[in-house]
């Protein structure tokens, strides 16, 4: 079972919501209340960052964050 967490994309700058985190199907995120900006994300998901080329966990962050929504 996936370890799901809820976050607000308006105030959270984590890899799960970054356009540079390679998740083309958005399999690691699920909308909960998208009008308010709340999404559920898989806390254990790991995908490649297209900027650094390194595998990053969904909850990681960096200074080059760019929201995918």
N, C-alpha and C. Protein backbone atom coordinates (compact mmCIF):
# COMPACT_ATOMS: atom_id res chain seq x y z
N UNK A 1 0.84 -1.18 0.00
CA UNK A 1 0.00 0.00 0.00
C UNK A 1 0.88 1.24 0.00
N UNK A 2 0.51 2.20 -0.79
CA UNK A 2 1.29 3.44 -0.92
C UNK A 2 1.14 4.30 0.33
N UNK A 3 2.21 4.96 0.67
CA UNK A 3 2.22 5.89 1.80
C UNK A 3 1.82 7.26 1.26
N UNK A 4 0.54 7.59 1.32
CA UNK A 4 0.02 8.82 0.73
C UNK A 4 -0.04 9.94 1.76
N UNK A 5 0.36 11.14 1.33
CA UNK A 5 0.31 12.35 2.15
C UNK A 5 -0.48 13.40 1.39
N UNK A 6 -1.04 14.37 2.10
CA UNK A 6 -1.79 15.46 1.47
C UNK A 6 -0.98 16.74 1.60
N UNK A 7 -0.93 17.51 0.50
CA UNK A 7 -0.19 18.77 0.50
C UNK A 7 -0.93 19.79 -0.36
N UNK A 8 -0.69 21.05 -0.06
CA UNK A 8 -1.26 22.15 -0.84
C UNK A 8 -0.21 22.61 -1.84
N UNK A 9 -0.52 22.54 -3.13
CA UNK A 9 0.48 22.89 -4.15
C UNK A 9 0.78 24.39 -4.18
N UNK A 10 -0.06 25.19 -3.55
CA UNK A 10 0.18 26.64 -3.53
C UNK A 10 1.27 27.03 -2.54
N UNK A 11 1.50 26.17 -1.54
CA UNK A 11 2.49 26.52 -0.51
C UNK A 11 3.59 25.48 -0.35
N UNK A 12 3.52 24.36 -1.07
CA UNK A 12 4.50 23.29 -0.95
C UNK A 12 5.35 23.21 -2.20
N UNK A 13 6.67 23.17 -2.02
CA UNK A 13 7.59 23.11 -3.16
C UNK A 13 8.36 21.80 -3.10
N UNK A 14 7.65 20.69 -3.40
CA UNK A 14 8.29 19.37 -3.37
C UNK A 14 8.32 18.79 -4.79
N UNK A 15 9.19 17.82 -4.98
CA UNK A 15 9.41 17.23 -6.30
C UNK A 15 8.15 16.63 -6.92
N UNK A 16 7.25 16.08 -6.13
CA UNK A 16 6.04 15.47 -6.68
C UNK A 16 5.23 16.45 -7.51
N UNK A 17 5.34 17.75 -7.22
CA UNK A 17 4.57 18.77 -7.93
C UNK A 17 5.43 19.60 -8.88
N UNK A 18 6.65 19.17 -9.13
CA UNK A 18 7.57 19.91 -10.00
C UNK A 18 7.52 19.37 -11.42
N UNK A 19 7.55 20.27 -12.41
CA UNK A 19 7.50 19.86 -13.82
C UNK A 19 8.78 19.15 -14.24
N UNK A 20 9.87 19.28 -13.48
CA UNK A 20 11.14 18.64 -13.82
C UNK A 20 11.28 17.23 -13.26
N UNK A 21 10.35 16.82 -12.40
CA UNK A 21 10.36 15.47 -11.82
C UNK A 21 9.64 14.56 -12.80
N UNK A 22 10.33 13.58 -13.38
CA UNK A 22 9.79 12.77 -14.48
C UNK A 22 8.70 11.82 -14.00
N UNK A 23 7.46 12.26 -14.15
CA UNK A 23 6.28 11.46 -13.85
C UNK A 23 5.20 11.83 -14.87
N UNK A 24 5.39 11.43 -16.15
CA UNK A 24 4.50 11.90 -17.22
C UNK A 24 3.03 11.54 -17.03
N UNK A 25 2.73 10.44 -16.36
CA UNK A 25 1.34 10.04 -16.14
C UNK A 25 0.80 10.59 -14.83
N UNK A 26 1.62 11.33 -14.08
CA UNK A 26 1.25 11.85 -12.76
C UNK A 26 0.72 10.73 -11.87
N UNK A 27 1.39 9.58 -11.92
CA UNK A 27 0.97 8.41 -11.15
C UNK A 27 1.18 8.58 -9.66
N UNK A 28 2.05 9.48 -9.24
CA UNK A 28 2.35 9.66 -7.83
C UNK A 28 1.44 10.67 -7.15
N UNK A 29 0.56 11.34 -7.91
CA UNK A 29 -0.31 12.35 -7.31
C UNK A 29 -1.77 12.08 -7.65
N UNK A 30 -2.66 12.45 -6.71
CA UNK A 30 -4.10 12.29 -6.87
C UNK A 30 -4.77 13.56 -6.38
N UNK A 31 -5.64 14.19 -7.17
CA UNK A 31 -6.32 15.40 -6.70
C UNK A 31 -7.28 15.07 -5.56
N UNK A 32 -7.26 15.87 -4.51
CA UNK A 32 -8.20 15.71 -3.40
C UNK A 32 -9.22 16.84 -3.44
N UNK A 33 -8.76 18.08 -3.48
CA UNK A 33 -9.60 19.27 -3.63
C UNK A 33 -8.83 20.23 -4.51
N UNK A 34 -8.77 19.96 -5.82
CA UNK A 34 -7.91 20.74 -6.71
C UNK A 34 -8.25 22.22 -6.77
N UNK A 35 -9.52 22.58 -6.55
CA UNK A 35 -9.89 23.99 -6.56
C UNK A 35 -9.17 24.75 -5.44
N UNK A 36 -8.98 24.10 -4.32
CA UNK A 36 -8.28 24.70 -3.18
C UNK A 36 -6.78 24.42 -3.23
N UNK A 37 -6.34 23.58 -4.17
CA UNK A 37 -4.92 23.29 -4.32
C UNK A 37 -4.43 22.08 -3.55
N UNK A 38 -5.34 21.25 -3.03
CA UNK A 38 -4.93 20.09 -2.24
C UNK A 38 -4.82 18.85 -3.11
N UNK A 39 -3.65 18.22 -3.03
CA UNK A 39 -3.38 16.98 -3.76
C UNK A 39 -2.79 15.97 -2.79
N UNK A 40 -3.05 14.70 -3.06
CA UNK A 40 -2.46 13.61 -2.30
C UNK A 40 -1.29 13.09 -3.14
N UNK A 41 -0.16 12.80 -2.49
CA UNK A 41 0.99 12.29 -3.24
C UNK A 41 1.60 11.10 -2.53
N UNK A 42 2.21 10.22 -3.30
CA UNK A 42 2.87 9.03 -2.77
C UNK A 42 4.21 9.46 -2.17
N UNK A 43 4.30 9.39 -0.87
CA UNK A 43 5.48 9.86 -0.14
C UNK A 43 6.73 9.03 -0.47
N UNK A 44 6.55 7.79 -0.91
CA UNK A 44 7.68 6.90 -1.20
C UNK A 44 8.07 6.85 -2.67
N UNK A 45 7.37 7.58 -3.53
CA UNK A 45 7.66 7.54 -4.97
C UNK A 45 9.04 8.12 -5.24
N UNK A 46 9.71 7.56 -6.23
CA UNK A 46 11.05 8.01 -6.62
C UNK A 46 11.11 8.06 -8.14
N UNK A 47 11.44 9.23 -8.68
CA UNK A 47 11.58 9.42 -10.12
C UNK A 47 12.79 10.29 -10.40
N UNK A 48 13.17 10.33 -11.66
CA UNK A 48 14.35 11.09 -12.07
C UNK A 48 14.04 12.57 -12.22
N UNK A 49 14.93 13.41 -11.72
CA UNK A 49 14.85 14.86 -11.95
C UNK A 49 15.47 15.13 -13.31
N UNK A 50 14.74 15.83 -14.17
CA UNK A 50 15.24 16.10 -15.51
C UNK A 50 16.34 17.15 -15.52
N UNK A 51 16.50 17.90 -14.44
CA UNK A 51 17.56 18.91 -14.38
C UNK A 51 18.87 18.32 -13.88
N UNK A 52 18.80 17.52 -12.82
CA UNK A 52 20.02 16.98 -12.22
C UNK A 52 20.38 15.59 -12.74
N UNK A 53 19.38 14.85 -13.25
CA UNK A 53 19.61 13.49 -13.72
C UNK A 53 19.65 12.48 -12.59
N UNK A 54 19.32 12.89 -11.38
CA UNK A 54 19.35 12.01 -10.22
C UNK A 54 17.95 11.57 -9.84
N UNK A 55 17.84 10.37 -9.25
CA UNK A 55 16.56 9.92 -8.72
C UNK A 55 16.26 10.71 -7.45
N UNK A 56 15.05 11.25 -7.38
CA UNK A 56 14.63 12.05 -6.22
C UNK A 56 13.35 11.46 -5.65
N UNK A 57 13.23 11.51 -4.33
CA UNK A 57 11.99 11.12 -3.68
C UNK A 57 10.95 12.21 -3.90
N UNK A 58 9.68 11.85 -3.83
CA UNK A 58 8.61 12.81 -4.10
C UNK A 58 8.60 13.97 -3.12
N UNK A 59 9.07 13.78 -1.90
CA UNK A 59 9.03 14.84 -0.89
C UNK A 59 10.29 15.70 -0.87
N UNK A 60 11.26 15.42 -1.73
CA UNK A 60 12.49 16.22 -1.79
C UNK A 60 12.17 17.57 -2.45
N UNK A 61 13.10 18.51 -2.31
CA UNK A 61 12.90 19.82 -2.94
C UNK A 61 14.25 20.43 -3.29
N UNK A 62 14.21 21.47 -4.13
CA UNK A 62 15.43 22.20 -4.48
C UNK A 62 15.05 23.62 -4.89
N UNK A 63 16.03 24.43 -5.17
CA UNK A 63 15.80 25.83 -5.53
C UNK A 63 15.30 26.02 -6.94
N UNK A 64 15.24 24.97 -7.74
CA UNK A 64 14.83 25.08 -9.14
C UNK A 64 13.40 24.59 -9.36
N UNK A 65 12.60 24.60 -8.31
CA UNK A 65 11.22 24.12 -8.38
C UNK A 65 10.40 24.95 -9.37
N UNK A 66 9.61 24.25 -10.20
CA UNK A 66 8.69 24.88 -11.13
C UNK A 66 7.40 24.06 -11.12
N UNK A 67 6.33 24.63 -10.63
CA UNK A 67 5.07 23.90 -10.44
C UNK A 67 4.51 23.39 -11.77
N UNK A 68 4.09 22.13 -11.80
CA UNK A 68 3.58 21.53 -13.04
C UNK A 68 2.11 21.85 -13.29
N UNK A 69 1.46 22.54 -12.37
CA UNK A 69 0.03 22.88 -12.55
C UNK A 69 -0.14 24.34 -12.83
